[in-house]
């Protein structure tokens, strides 16, 4: 582990946290941060800094950073720029000189470079200079900071407790990153490993964190919202290494001048030429999402699914219309193609399905029609997955009203999970539509099959899986 990773690990695993600007007012971020530390179950020491209060949420308050008698690993600032700079210069730098304890600072407050003013830029440069001279790394300013679901460190004012999992989030927009977690939390669509909101990214940057997370065993998928990055060569070096070890999904705005201008006003980021960024992602093996829905869907599916070992897809449908729409997407794809069933597979499918079913017309396609039972779902899925010429399956249905919503889903999941762990093939499911199929979706999601409302969404996820497979093959040669 290099020096940067060691420092980042100290920040993620902070054993003590001071909150400068802690508030007794429940409507203030300085109060919510403390509350969220309690909710997530942080067991380290917490030191609120507030000269006008004796305690907040049963944490003893201190007037100044210099008054805290114990070591501090991480300091969170929730104050305006001028007051922040004053305390950094007069207290934090002095504390580091005397005790050598603080590894990092999370700067939640804004009012720096993102304002587009000379004063804001000068304040940010001064802040970075002061902290760097003291050997303290800065996350932010204008950010939510970090979450680590293992150490239970949490500096955000939006997210409390969260289910542990294998997705790590890197974002220049704290609100967007938090909204993703809140969206996914309701139905437990993802589990979180680590979260980093950079804001203006004045010091600790996306390349450093991406490189660090690539070496974290508990992270499987890295979700990156990136508005801009100045050192393209450095980013490419890190991204290439990261994608060889992890699935990395990126959403990068700035396709238009208006979008690039909005990104600058948000975090002060220079978006850069979109065509160049597109080439960077393709050359480094990062999966670029072109919409927010694709970004969310791909990330949550990647956490659950095994990596695909090819691009031959079987389409298994109970609803002909949904199947046709899915096939059309595959037909124009650059990364997927329809599987070609063996004759044995076709015979097995015809034997177990109703005479009205369509098998292999076109190749790789099975329309079971509505004449299905719970066991038909199990049998058809298992037969399709056992064909050596199939690399993955897209299943589509509008669940028949005559079947129990949990029963058929349990049988489909049983077939999927009957595969041996090594060489397991991915399955995604379109279960239409919306809340009418909630019970079925809950079963499938719990058993590792991502679900979607529309065939286009399922196609894009499987297409991105195949794209990642092709990247890995290309880089391995």
Protein backbone atom coordinates (compact mmCIF):
# COMPACT_ATOMS: atom_id res chain seq x y z
CA UNK A 1 0.00 0.00 0.00
CA UNK A 2 1.47 3.39 -1.04
CA UNK A 3 1.51 6.54 1.11
CA UNK A 4 -1.67 7.98 -0.41
CA UNK A 5 -3.60 4.73 0.15
CA UNK A 6 -2.33 4.52 3.71
CA UNK A 7 -3.59 8.04 4.40
CA UNK A 8 -6.96 7.34 2.77
CA UNK A 9 -7.29 4.16 4.80
CA UNK A 10 -6.65 6.16 7.98
CA UNK A 11 -9.43 8.53 6.96
CA UNK A 12 -11.91 5.73 6.13
CA UNK A 13 -11.03 3.91 9.34
CA UNK A 14 -10.87 7.04 11.54
CA UNK A 15 -10.99 6.11 15.22
CA UNK A 16 -11.92 9.65 16.27
CA UNK A 17 -13.76 12.49 14.54
CA UNK A 18 -14.11 16.17 15.43
CA UNK A 19 -17.03 18.16 13.95
CA UNK A 20 -16.27 21.87 13.75
CA UNK A 21 -19.57 23.71 13.44
CA UNK A 22 -21.59 21.10 15.31
CA UNK A 23 -25.06 22.48 16.01
CA UNK A 24 -27.84 22.02 18.55
CA UNK A 25 -30.35 22.93 15.80
CA UNK A 26 -31.84 19.72 14.26
CA UNK A 27 -32.32 21.53 10.92
CA UNK A 28 -28.60 22.25 10.50
CA UNK A 29 -26.04 19.98 8.75
CA UNK A 30 -23.82 20.26 11.83
CA UNK A 31 -26.51 18.43 13.80
CA UNK A 32 -27.46 15.89 11.14
CA UNK A 33 -23.84 14.74 10.74
CA UNK A 34 -23.69 13.84 14.43
CA UNK A 35 -27.08 12.13 14.26
CA UNK A 36 -26.03 10.07 11.22
CA UNK A 37 -22.88 8.91 13.01
CA UNK A 38 -25.14 7.54 15.72
CA UNK A 39 -27.54 5.93 13.23
CA UNK A 40 -24.79 4.14 11.32
CA UNK A 41 -23.32 2.84 14.56
CA UNK A 42 -19.95 4.60 14.65
CA UNK A 43 -18.04 3.33 17.70
CA UNK A 44 -15.11 5.75 17.68
CA UNK A 45 -14.76 8.98 19.65
CA UNK A 46 -16.80 12.00 18.51
CA UNK A 47 -15.90 15.56 19.50
CA UNK A 48 -18.37 18.34 18.59
CA UNK A 49 -16.77 21.79 18.45
CA UNK A 50 -19.24 24.43 19.64
CA UNK A 51 -18.23 27.14 22.14
CA UNK A 52 -21.89 27.84 23.00
CA UNK A 53 -23.03 24.36 24.01
CA UNK A 54 -22.05 21.87 26.70
CA UNK A 55 -23.21 18.83 24.76
CA UNK A 56 -25.03 17.78 21.57
CA UNK A 57 -26.78 14.42 21.30
CA UNK A 58 -24.95 13.36 24.46
CA UNK A 59 -21.53 14.15 22.98
CA UNK A 60 -19.47 16.52 25.12
CA UNK A 61 -18.73 19.78 23.28
CA UNK A 62 -15.37 21.56 23.15
CA UNK A 63 -14.79 25.27 22.44
CA UNK A 64 -11.76 24.72 20.19
CA UNK A 65 -9.89 21.94 18.40
CA UNK A 66 -6.90 22.61 20.64
CA UNK A 67 -9.00 21.77 23.71
CA UNK A 68 -9.61 18.14 22.76
CA UNK A 69 -7.38 15.98 24.98
CA UNK A 70 -7.41 12.85 22.79
CA UNK A 71 -5.95 12.14 19.30
CA UNK A 72 -8.11 13.16 16.32
CA UNK A 73 -7.90 11.23 13.04
CA UNK A 74 -10.47 13.19 11.03
CA UNK A 75 -11.92 16.71 11.24
CA UNK A 76 -15.22 17.69 9.61
CA UNK A 77 -15.87 21.41 8.94
CA UNK A 78 -19.42 22.75 8.58
CA UNK A 79 -18.69 26.49 8.54
CA UNK A 80 -18.51 29.47 6.14
CA UNK A 81 -15.21 29.92 4.24
CA UNK A 82 -13.71 32.79 6.28
CA UNK A 83 -14.33 31.12 9.62
CA UNK A 84 -13.09 27.80 8.27
CA UNK A 85 -9.80 29.34 7.11
CA UNK A 86 -9.32 31.06 10.46
CA UNK A 87 -9.77 27.85 12.47
CA UNK A 88 -7.60 25.81 10.09
CA UNK A 89 -4.77 28.32 10.36
CA UNK A 90 -5.00 29.12 14.08
CA UNK A 91 -6.08 25.77 15.52
CA UNK A 92 -5.81 22.77 13.21
CA UNK A 93 -2.34 23.47 11.83
CA UNK A 94 -1.12 24.22 15.33
CA UNK A 95 -2.67 21.02 16.64
CA UNK A 96 -1.01 18.94 13.93
CA UNK A 97 2.35 20.58 14.72
CA UNK A 98 2.00 19.73 18.41
CA UNK A 99 0.40 16.28 18.31
CA UNK A 100 0.83 15.01 14.74
CA UNK A 101 -2.55 13.32 14.86
CA UNK A 102 -4.95 14.49 12.12
CA UNK A 103 -4.81 12.61 8.80
CA UNK A 104 -7.62 14.30 6.93
CA UNK A 105 -10.27 16.98 6.74
CA UNK A 106 -13.76 16.76 5.23
CA UNK A 107 -14.94 20.22 4.20
CA UNK A 108 -18.74 20.15 3.93
CA UNK A 109 -19.19 23.91 3.57
CA UNK A 110 -19.17 25.68 0.20
CA UNK A 111 -18.38 29.21 -0.93
CA UNK A 112 -15.06 28.40 -2.58
CA UNK A 113 -14.03 27.89 -6.23
CA UNK A 114 -17.53 26.78 -7.27
CA UNK A 115 -18.73 30.39 -6.81
CA UNK A 116 -16.73 31.41 -9.88
CA UNK A 117 -15.30 34.41 -8.02
CA UNK A 118 -11.67 35.38 -7.50
CA UNK A 119 -12.22 35.43 -3.74
CA UNK A 120 -13.66 31.91 -3.77
CA UNK A 121 -10.71 30.58 -5.78
CA UNK A 122 -8.16 32.33 -3.54
CA UNK A 123 -9.84 30.96 -0.41
CA UNK A 124 -9.74 27.43 -1.80
CA UNK A 125 -6.08 27.71 -2.79
CA UNK A 126 -5.22 29.07 0.66
CA UNK A 127 -7.13 26.25 2.35
CA UNK A 128 -5.30 23.62 0.32
CA UNK A 129 -1.93 25.27 0.97
CA UNK A 130 -2.46 25.40 4.73
CA UNK A 131 -3.53 21.76 4.97
CA UNK A 132 -0.87 20.43 2.63
CA UNK A 133 1.86 22.28 4.55
CA UNK A 134 0.67 20.49 7.69
CA UNK A 135 0.51 17.09 5.99
CA UNK A 136 -3.30 16.91 6.16
CA UNK A 137 -5.33 15.73 3.15
CA UNK A 138 -8.55 17.52 2.19
CA UNK A 139 -11.79 15.99 0.88
CA UNK A 140 -13.93 18.77 -0.57
CA UNK A 141 -14.80 21.54 -0.06
CA UNK A 142 -18.48 21.76 -0.99
CA UNK A 143 -19.11 18.05 -0.42
CA UNK A 144 -20.79 15.37 1.73
CA UNK A 145 -17.57 13.59 2.59
CA UNK A 146 -17.31 9.86 3.26
CA UNK A 147 -19.03 6.70 4.49
CA UNK A 148 -17.38 3.38 5.31
CA UNK A 149 -19.88 0.66 6.19
CA UNK A 150 -17.22 -1.49 7.84
CA UNK A 151 -15.68 1.11 10.18
CA UNK A 152 -19.09 2.90 10.35
CA UNK A 153 -17.46 6.27 9.68
CA UNK A 154 -20.08 8.69 8.29
CA UNK A 155 -19.63 12.42 7.68
CA UNK A 156 -22.74 12.99 5.55
CA UNK A 157 -25.83 14.93 6.57
CA UNK A 158 -28.18 12.98 4.23
CA UNK A 159 -27.45 9.28 4.82
CA UNK A 160 -27.76 7.43 8.12
CA UNK A 161 -27.37 3.67 8.40
CA UNK A 162 -26.93 1.63 5.22
CA UNK A 163 -26.81 -2.05 4.28
CA UNK A 164 -23.26 -3.24 3.74
CA UNK A 165 -22.42 -4.51 0.26
CA UNK A 166 -19.92 -4.37 -2.58
CA UNK A 167 -20.63 -1.02 -4.31
CA UNK A 168 -18.35 1.94 -3.66
CA UNK A 169 -19.50 5.40 -4.74
CA UNK A 170 -17.19 8.17 -6.00
CA UNK A 171 -19.02 11.38 -6.84
CA UNK A 172 -18.41 15.06 -7.43
CA UNK A 173 -22.07 15.67 -6.64
CA UNK A 174 -22.90 14.78 -3.06
CA UNK A 175 -26.63 15.19 -3.66
CA UNK A 176 -26.59 12.87 -6.70
CA UNK A 177 -24.56 10.24 -4.86
CA UNK A 178 -26.85 10.36 -1.85
CA UNK A 179 -29.96 10.24 -4.02
CA UNK A 180 -28.64 7.04 -5.61
CA UNK A 181 -28.25 5.47 -2.18
CA UNK A 182 -31.68 6.61 -1.03
CA UNK A 183 -33.27 5.29 -4.26
CA UNK A 184 -31.55 1.92 -3.90
CA UNK A 185 -32.14 1.57 -0.16
CA UNK A 186 -35.94 1.15 -0.26
CA UNK A 187 -35.87 -2.22 -2.04
CA UNK A 188 -32.28 -3.08 -1.01
CA UNK A 189 -31.13 -2.82 -4.63
CA UNK A 190 -27.49 -2.36 -3.62
CA UNK A 191 -25.27 -2.78 -0.61
CA UNK A 192 -22.71 -0.05 0.08
CA UNK A 193 -19.03 -0.54 0.82
CA UNK A 194 -17.61 3.00 0.72
CA UNK A 195 -18.82 6.46 -0.34
CA UNK A 196 -16.72 9.50 -1.26
CA UNK A 197 -18.20 12.88 -2.22
CA UNK A 198 -15.45 15.24 -3.51
CA UNK A 199 -17.33 18.44 -4.30
CA UNK A 200 -14.69 20.80 -5.69
CA UNK A 201 -11.97 18.12 -5.46
CA UNK A 202 -9.39 20.68 -4.33
CA UNK A 203 -6.97 18.06 -3.01
CA UNK A 204 -7.87 14.36 -2.74
CA UNK A 205 -9.10 13.53 -6.23
CA UNK A 206 -10.93 10.88 -8.21
CA UNK A 207 -7.77 9.18 -9.49
CA UNK A 208 -6.36 8.74 -5.98
CA UNK A 209 -9.59 7.26 -4.62
CA UNK A 210 -10.17 5.10 -7.71
CA UNK A 211 -6.67 3.67 -7.36
CA UNK A 212 -7.24 3.07 -3.66
CA UNK A 213 -10.64 1.37 -4.07
CA UNK A 214 -9.26 -0.89 -6.80
CA UNK A 215 -7.20 -2.49 -4.06
CA UNK A 216 -10.00 -2.81 -1.50
CA UNK A 217 -11.16 -6.47 -1.44
CA UNK A 218 -14.68 -5.64 -0.19
CA UNK A 219 -15.41 -3.43 -3.23
CA UNK A 220 -16.67 -5.21 -6.37
CA UNK A 221 -18.23 -2.32 -8.32
CA UNK A 222 -17.15 1.34 -8.38
CA UNK A 223 -19.82 3.95 -9.25
CA UNK A 224 -18.24 7.20 -10.52
CA UNK A 225 -19.99 10.51 -11.20
CA UNK A 226 -17.31 12.73 -12.75
CA UNK A 227 -17.75 16.33 -13.88
CA UNK A 228 -14.13 16.98 -14.84
CA UNK A 229 -10.48 16.08 -14.27
CA UNK A 230 -7.44 18.04 -15.40
CA UNK A 231 -4.72 15.37 -15.68
CA UNK A 232 -5.94 13.05 -18.42
CA UNK A 233 -2.74 10.98 -18.58
CA UNK A 234 -2.85 10.28 -14.84
CA UNK A 235 -6.54 9.37 -15.02
CA UNK A 236 -5.95 6.91 -17.87
CA UNK A 237 -3.13 5.15 -16.03
CA UNK A 238 -5.23 4.68 -12.91
CA UNK A 239 -8.43 3.79 -14.78
CA UNK A 240 -6.74 1.06 -16.82
CA UNK A 241 -5.41 -0.61 -13.65
CA UNK A 242 -8.71 -0.19 -11.81
CA UNK A 243 -10.81 -1.73 -14.59
CA UNK A 244 -8.56 -4.80 -14.68
CA UNK A 245 -9.57 -5.49 -11.07
CA UNK A 246 -13.06 -3.98 -10.64
CA UNK A 247 -16.19 -3.17 -12.61
CA UNK A 248 -16.16 0.63 -12.92
CA UNK A 249 -19.28 2.45 -14.14
CA UNK A 250 -19.01 6.16 -15.00
CA UNK A 251 -21.51 8.93 -15.70
CA UNK A 252 -19.79 11.98 -17.20
CA UNK A 253 -21.89 15.04 -18.10
CA UNK A 254 -20.62 17.74 -20.45
CA UNK A 255 -21.81 16.42 -23.83
CA UNK A 256 -22.94 19.97 -24.62
CA UNK A 257 -21.55 23.40 -23.86
CA UNK A 258 -24.54 24.12 -21.63
CA UNK A 259 -23.85 20.95 -19.66
CA UNK A 260 -20.18 21.82 -19.31
CA UNK A 261 -21.10 25.30 -18.05
CA UNK A 262 -23.50 23.84 -15.49
CA UNK A 263 -20.80 21.42 -14.27
CA UNK A 264 -18.40 24.32 -13.74
CA UNK A 265 -20.96 26.31 -11.76
CA UNK A 266 -21.64 23.25 -9.61
CA UNK A 267 -18.12 22.22 -8.58
CA UNK A 268 -15.77 24.45 -10.58
CA UNK A 269 -14.85 21.44 -12.77
CA UNK A 270 -13.57 21.84 -16.34
CA UNK A 271 -15.57 19.25 -18.25
CA UNK A 272 -13.31 18.88 -21.32
CA UNK A 273 -14.14 17.59 -24.79
CA UNK A 274 -16.74 14.85 -24.56
CA UNK A 275 -15.35 12.90 -27.54
CA UNK A 276 -11.98 12.71 -25.81
CA UNK A 277 -13.56 11.41 -22.61
CA UNK A 278 -15.52 8.84 -24.60
CA UNK A 279 -12.27 7.57 -26.09
CA UNK A 280 -10.63 7.51 -22.63
CA UNK A 281 -13.36 5.27 -21.23
CA UNK A 282 -13.12 2.85 -24.17
CA UNK A 283 -9.32 2.70 -24.00
CA UNK A 284 -9.24 2.10 -20.26
CA UNK A 285 -12.12 -0.38 -19.90
CA UNK A 286 -14.45 1.84 -17.90
CA UNK A 287 -18.16 1.36 -18.63
CA UNK A 288 -19.71 4.69 -19.55
CA UNK A 289 -23.42 5.13 -18.86
CA UNK A 290 -25.22 7.59 -21.12
CA UNK A 291 -28.20 8.27 -18.88
CA UNK A 292 -28.90 8.40 -15.17
CA UNK A 293 -31.18 5.36 -15.43
CA UNK A 294 -28.48 3.33 -17.18
CA UNK A 295 -25.97 4.51 -14.56
CA UNK A 296 -28.13 3.35 -11.66
CA UNK A 297 -29.28 0.11 -13.32
CA UNK A 298 -25.83 -1.00 -14.47
CA UNK A 299 -24.26 -0.43 -11.08
CA UNK A 300 -26.90 -2.31 -9.11
CA UNK A 301 -26.90 -5.19 -11.58
CA UNK A 302 -23.11 -5.45 -11.66
CA UNK A 303 -23.04 -5.89 -7.88
CA UNK A 304 -25.34 -8.93 -8.04
CA UNK A 305 -24.26 -10.61 -11.27
CA UNK A 306 -21.27 -12.76 -12.17
CA UNK A 307 -19.01 -11.45 -14.93
CA UNK A 308 -20.20 -12.75 -18.29
CA UNK A 309 -17.83 -14.98 -20.30
CA UNK A 310 -19.13 -14.15 -23.77
CA UNK A 311 -21.82 -12.25 -25.65
CA UNK A 312 -24.30 -14.95 -26.74
CA UNK A 313 -27.67 -14.16 -25.19
CA UNK A 314 -30.80 -16.29 -24.92
CA UNK A 315 -34.12 -14.45 -24.67
CA UNK A 316 -36.72 -16.35 -22.65
CA UNK A 317 -40.13 -14.67 -22.56
CA UNK A 318 -43.66 -15.31 -21.36
CA UNK A 319 -44.85 -12.23 -23.27
CA UNK A 320 -44.21 -12.12 -27.01
CA UNK A 321 -44.29 -8.35 -27.29
CA UNK A 322 -41.62 -7.81 -24.65
CA UNK A 323 -39.48 -10.50 -26.27
CA UNK A 324 -39.73 -8.87 -29.70
CA UNK A 325 -38.66 -5.50 -28.31
CA UNK A 326 -35.68 -7.11 -26.59
CA UNK A 327 -34.58 -8.97 -29.73
CA UNK A 328 -34.64 -5.75 -31.72
CA UNK A 329 -32.26 -4.14 -29.24
CA UNK A 330 -29.85 -7.08 -29.51
CA UNK A 331 -30.07 -7.01 -33.31
CA UNK A 332 -28.56 -3.51 -33.48
CA UNK A 333 -26.06 -4.03 -30.64
CA UNK A 334 -22.31 -3.91 -31.25
CA UNK A 335 -21.59 -6.13 -28.25
CA UNK A 336 -24.38 -8.75 -28.01
CA UNK A 337 -25.73 -11.39 -30.34
CA UNK A 338 -28.46 -14.00 -30.06
CA UNK A 339 -27.30 -17.39 -28.85
CA UNK A 340 -27.59 -20.39 -31.15
CA UNK A 341 -29.23 -23.26 -29.24
CA UNK A 342 -27.97 -26.78 -29.75
CA UNK A 343 -30.43 -29.24 -31.24
CA UNK A 344 -30.55 -31.05 -27.89
CA UNK A 345 -31.59 -27.83 -26.14
CA UNK A 346 -34.32 -27.18 -28.69
CA UNK A 347 -35.69 -30.70 -28.27
CA UNK A 348 -35.67 -30.44 -24.47
CA UNK A 349 -37.48 -27.10 -24.57
CA UNK A 350 -40.13 -28.32 -27.01
CA UNK A 351 -40.73 -31.37 -24.86
CA UNK A 352 -41.47 -29.38 -21.72
CA UNK A 353 -43.35 -26.41 -23.25
CA UNK A 354 -46.86 -26.19 -24.68
CA UNK A 355 -47.32 -26.86 -28.45
CA UNK A 356 -48.05 -23.15 -28.93
CA UNK A 357 -44.58 -22.18 -27.67
CA UNK A 358 -41.96 -20.85 -30.07
CA UNK A 359 -38.44 -22.27 -29.74
CA UNK A 360 -35.48 -21.02 -31.79
CA UNK A 361 -37.45 -18.72 -34.09
CA UNK A 362 -35.24 -16.71 -34.29
CA UNK A 363 -32.17 -18.49 -32.89
CA UNK A 364 -31.74 -18.11 -29.15
CA UNK A 365 -35.37 -17.10 -28.62
CA UNK A 366 -38.01 -18.92 -26.56
CA UNK A 367 -41.58 -17.65 -26.24
CA UNK A 368 -43.26 -19.95 -23.69
CA UNK A 369 -46.57 -18.10 -24.15
CA UNK A 370 -48.93 -17.77 -21.20
CA UNK A 371 -49.30 -21.55 -20.95
CA UNK A 372 -46.80 -21.80 -18.10
CA UNK A 373 -46.69 -23.24 -14.61
CA UNK A 374 -44.35 -22.49 -11.72
CA UNK A 375 -42.23 -25.50 -12.73
CA UNK A 376 -42.12 -24.39 -16.36
CA UNK A 377 -40.18 -21.35 -15.22
CA UNK A 378 -37.66 -23.58 -13.48
CA UNK A 379 -37.32 -26.12 -16.29
CA UNK A 380 -37.04 -23.66 -19.19
CA UNK A 381 -34.49 -21.47 -17.42
CA UNK A 382 -32.36 -24.42 -16.37
CA UNK A 383 -32.32 -25.90 -19.89
CA UNK A 384 -31.32 -22.54 -21.41
CA UNK A 385 -28.52 -22.03 -18.90
CA UNK A 386 -27.15 -25.56 -19.42
CA UNK A 387 -26.55 -24.94 -23.14
CA UNK A 388 -22.81 -24.35 -23.67
CA UNK A 389 -23.62 -21.92 -26.47
CA UNK A 390 -25.47 -19.57 -24.09
CA UNK A 391 -23.49 -16.97 -22.11
CA UNK A 392 -26.41 -15.18 -20.44
CA UNK A 393 -30.21 -15.01 -20.36
CA UNK A 394 -32.70 -12.15 -20.49
CA UNK A 395 -36.04 -13.26 -19.04
CA UNK A 396 -39.21 -11.23 -19.69
CA UNK A 397 -42.74 -11.54 -18.31
CA UNK A 398 -45.92 -9.82 -17.39
CA UNK A 399 -46.66 -12.28 -14.57
CA UNK A 400 -49.73 -14.47 -15.28
CA UNK A 401 -52.49 -13.62 -12.80
CA UNK A 402 -53.23 -17.30 -12.25
CA UNK A 403 -49.77 -17.97 -10.75
CA UNK A 404 -48.75 -17.00 -7.20
CA UNK A 405 -46.41 -13.97 -7.51
CA UNK A 406 -43.75 -15.50 -5.28
CA UNK A 407 -44.06 -19.09 -6.54
CA UNK A 408 -42.93 -18.68 -10.15
CA UNK A 409 -40.20 -16.21 -9.09
CA UNK A 410 -38.82 -18.69 -6.55
CA UNK A 411 -38.64 -21.39 -9.22
CA UNK A 412 -36.87 -19.08 -11.67
CA UNK A 413 -34.36 -18.09 -8.99
CA UNK A 414 -33.88 -21.75 -8.02
CA UNK A 415 -32.89 -22.56 -11.60
CA UNK A 416 -30.50 -19.60 -11.72
CA UNK A 417 -28.83 -20.54 -8.45
CA UNK A 418 -28.56 -24.22 -9.38
CA UNK A 419 -25.60 -23.27 -11.57
CA UNK A 420 -22.11 -24.11 -10.29
CA UNK A 421 -20.37 -21.02 -8.82
CA UNK A 422 -17.49 -21.23 -11.29
CA UNK A 423 -18.71 -20.21 -14.73
CA UNK A 424 -22.09 -19.04 -13.44
CA UNK A 425 -24.03 -17.26 -16.19
CA UNK A 426 -25.83 -13.95 -15.57
CA UNK A 427 -29.62 -13.63 -15.76
CA UNK A 428 -31.58 -10.37 -15.78
CA UNK A 429 -35.38 -10.18 -15.62
CA UNK A 430 -37.97 -7.79 -16.98
CA UNK A 431 -41.05 -8.04 -14.76
CA UNK A 432 -43.78 -5.71 -15.96
CA UNK A 433 -45.03 -3.47 -14.78
CA UNK A 434 -44.20 -1.33 -11.76
CA UNK A 435 -45.76 -2.02 -8.38
CA UNK A 436 -48.10 -4.70 -9.74
CA UNK A 437 -45.21 -7.18 -9.64
CA UNK A 438 -43.52 -6.02 -6.43
CA UNK A 439 -43.61 -9.40 -4.66
CA UNK A 440 -42.07 -11.22 -7.63
CA UNK A 441 -39.34 -8.61 -7.96
CA UNK A 442 -38.50 -8.80 -4.26
CA UNK A 443 -37.93 -12.55 -4.56
CA UNK A 444 -35.74 -12.25 -7.66
CA UNK A 445 -33.67 -9.35 -6.31
CA UNK A 446 -33.09 -11.19 -3.03
CA UNK A 447 -31.90 -14.26 -4.94
CA UNK A 448 -29.43 -12.28 -7.08
CA UNK A 449 -31.43 -11.61 -10.26
CA UNK A 450 -31.71 -7.88 -11.06
CA UNK A 451 -35.19 -6.83 -12.22
CA UNK A 452 -36.36 -4.10 -14.56
CA UNK A 453 -39.62 -2.63 -15.76
CA UNK A 454 -38.66 -2.38 -19.44
CA UNK A 455 -36.73 -4.56 -21.92
CA UNK A 456 -34.51 -1.68 -23.01
CA UNK A 457 -33.13 -1.38 -19.47
CA UNK A 458 -32.34 -5.09 -19.20
CA UNK A 459 -30.68 -5.03 -22.62
CA UNK A 460 -28.42 -2.10 -21.68
CA UNK A 461 -27.23 -3.87 -18.53
CA UNK A 462 -26.44 -7.11 -20.38
CA UNK A 463 -24.81 -5.10 -23.15
CA UNK A 464 -22.56 -3.37 -20.60
CA UNK A 465 -21.64 -6.74 -19.07
CA UNK A 466 -20.59 -7.99 -22.51
CA UNK A 467 -18.71 -4.77 -23.18
CA UNK A 468 -16.71 -5.27 -19.98
CA UNK A 469 -15.97 -8.87 -21.03
CA UNK A 470 -14.60 -7.64 -24.37
CA UNK A 471 -12.46 -5.00 -22.62
CA UNK A 472 -10.94 -7.65 -20.35
CA UNK A 473 -10.19 -9.93 -23.28
CA UNK A 474 -8.58 -7.10 -25.22
CA UNK A 475 -6.40 -5.96 -22.33
CA UNK A 476 -5.36 -9.54 -21.51
CA UNK A 477 -3.90 -10.02 -25.02
